[in-house]
Amino acid sequence: MSDSVFAFLKIALVFGIVLGLGFWQLWVLRRDRKRGEAAARAEGRASRETPSGRTPSAE
């Protein structure tokens, strides 16, 4: 194979790795953000409960 083919393959490989890692980081960020929001909602519900486990409106 010629040098130009190897150069293209090298650039394509590097570009593919960088693009793949970028999409992976975005996916992880979105996943963690959803987990954080779910934890905040659960914590908010827990803080509104009375020691008996009921919400104040249910008493």
C-alpha atoms as a PDB file:
ATOM      1  CA  MET A   1       0.000   0.000   0.000  1.00  0.00           C
ATOM      2  CA  SER A   2       1.111   3.528  -0.613  1.00  0.00           C
ATOM      3  CA  ASP A   3       1.998   6.084   2.018  1.00  0.00           C
ATOM      4  CA  SER A   4      -1.122   8.132   1.310  1.00  0.00           C
ATOM      5  CA  VAL A   5      -3.380   5.184   2.182  1.00  0.00           C
ATOM      6  CA  PHE A   6      -1.558   4.639   5.496  1.00  0.00           C
ATOM      7  CA  ALA A   7      -1.767   8.362   6.261  1.00  0.00           C
ATOM      8  CA  PHE A   8      -5.508   8.357   5.577  1.00  0.00           C
ATOM      9  CA  LEU A   9      -6.039   5.267   7.733  1.00  0.00           C
ATOM     10  CA  LYS A  10      -4.032   6.797  10.566  1.00  0.00           C
ATOM     11  CA  ILE A  11      -6.012  10.049  10.443  1.00  0.00           C
ATOM     12  CA  ALA A  12      -9.303   8.154  10.205  1.00  0.00           C
ATOM     13  CA  LEU A  13      -8.372   5.986  13.180  1.00  0.00           C
ATOM     14  CA  VAL A  14      -7.428   8.971  15.334  1.00  0.00           C
ATOM     15  CA  PHE A  15     -10.550  10.872  14.274  1.00  0.00           C
ATOM     16  CA  GLY A  16     -12.741   7.854  15.029  1.00  0.00           C
ATOM     17  CA  ILE A  17     -11.210   7.391  18.473  1.00  0.00           C
ATOM     18  CA  VAL A  18     -11.602  11.079  19.347  1.00  0.00           C
ATOM     19  CA  LEU A  19     -15.170  11.168  18.077  1.00  0.00           C
ATOM     20  CA  GLY A  20     -16.039   7.967  19.935  1.00  0.00           C
ATOM     21  CA  LEU A  21     -14.585   9.229  23.212  1.00  0.00           C
ATOM     22  CA  GLY A  22     -16.432  12.517  22.803  1.00  0.00           C
ATOM     23  CA  PHE A  23     -19.792  10.787  22.327  1.00  0.00           C
ATOM     24  CA  TRP A  24     -19.044   8.485  25.259  1.00  0.00           C
ATOM     25  CA  GLN A  25     -18.320  11.471  27.518  1.00  0.00           C
ATOM     26  CA  LEU A  26     -21.558  13.157  26.457  1.00  0.00           C
ATOM     27  CA  TRP A  27     -23.496   9.955  27.188  1.00  0.00           C
ATOM     28  CA  VAL A  28     -21.878   9.641  30.638  1.00  0.00           C
ATOM     29  CA  LEU A  29     -22.638  13.289  31.396  1.00  0.00           C
ATOM     30  CA  ARG A  30     -26.287  12.832  30.431  1.00  0.00           C
ATOM     31  CA  ARG A  31     -26.541   9.621  32.467  1.00  0.00           C
ATOM     32  CA  ASP A  32     -25.016  11.232  35.555  1.00  0.00           C
ATOM     33  CA  ARG A  33     -27.228  14.288  35.233  1.00  0.00           C
ATOM     34  CA  LYS A  34     -30.335  12.054  35.146  1.00  0.00           C
ATOM     35  CA  ARG A  35     -29.085  10.124  38.187  1.00  0.00           C
ATOM     36  CA  GLY A  36     -28.476  13.374  40.067  1.00  0.00           C
ATOM     37  CA  GLU A  37     -31.951  14.668  39.276  1.00  0.00           C
ATOM     38  CA  ALA A  38     -33.519  11.383  40.387  1.00  0.00           C
ATOM     39  CA  ALA A  39     -31.533  11.466  43.636  1.00  0.00           C
ATOM     40  CA  ALA A  40     -32.561  15.080  44.265  1.00  0.00           C
ATOM     41  CA  ARG A  41     -36.227  14.174  43.718  1.00  0.00           C
ATOM     42  CA  ALA A  42     -35.931  11.200  46.072  1.00  0.00           C
ATOM     43  CA  GLU A  43     -34.164  13.327  48.666  1.00  0.00           C
ATOM     44  CA  GLY A  44     -36.852  15.986  48.373  1.00  0.00           C
ATOM     45  CA  ARG A  45     -39.556  13.416  48.999  1.00  0.00           C
ATOM     46  CA  ALA A  46     -37.680  11.984  51.968  1.00  0.00           C
ATOM     47  CA  SER A  47     -37.202  15.402  53.570  1.00  0.00           C
ATOM     48  CA  ARG A  48     -40.938  16.160  53.334  1.00  0.00           C
ATOM     49  CA  GLU A  49     -41.902  13.003  55.179  1.00  0.00           C
ATOM     50  CA  THR A  50     -42.584  13.035  58.912  1.00  0.00           C
ATOM     51  CA  PRO A  51     -40.839  10.587  61.265  1.00  0.00           C
ATOM     52  CA  SER A  52     -43.855   8.267  60.941  1.00  0.00           C
ATOM     53  CA  GLY A  53     -43.132   7.953  57.231  1.00  0.00           C
ATOM     54  CA  ARG A  54     -46.210   9.827  56.098  1.00  0.00           C
ATOM     55  CA  THR A  55     -46.242  13.039  54.155  1.00  0.00           C
ATOM     56  CA  PRO A  56     -47.686  16.034  56.059  1.00  0.00           C
ATOM     57  CA  SER A  57     -50.697  16.246  53.738  1.00  0.00           C
ATOM     58  CA  ALA A  58     -51.662  12.626  54.513  1.00  0.00           C
ATOM     59  CA  GLU A  59     -51.979  13.232  58.256  1.00  0.00           C
END
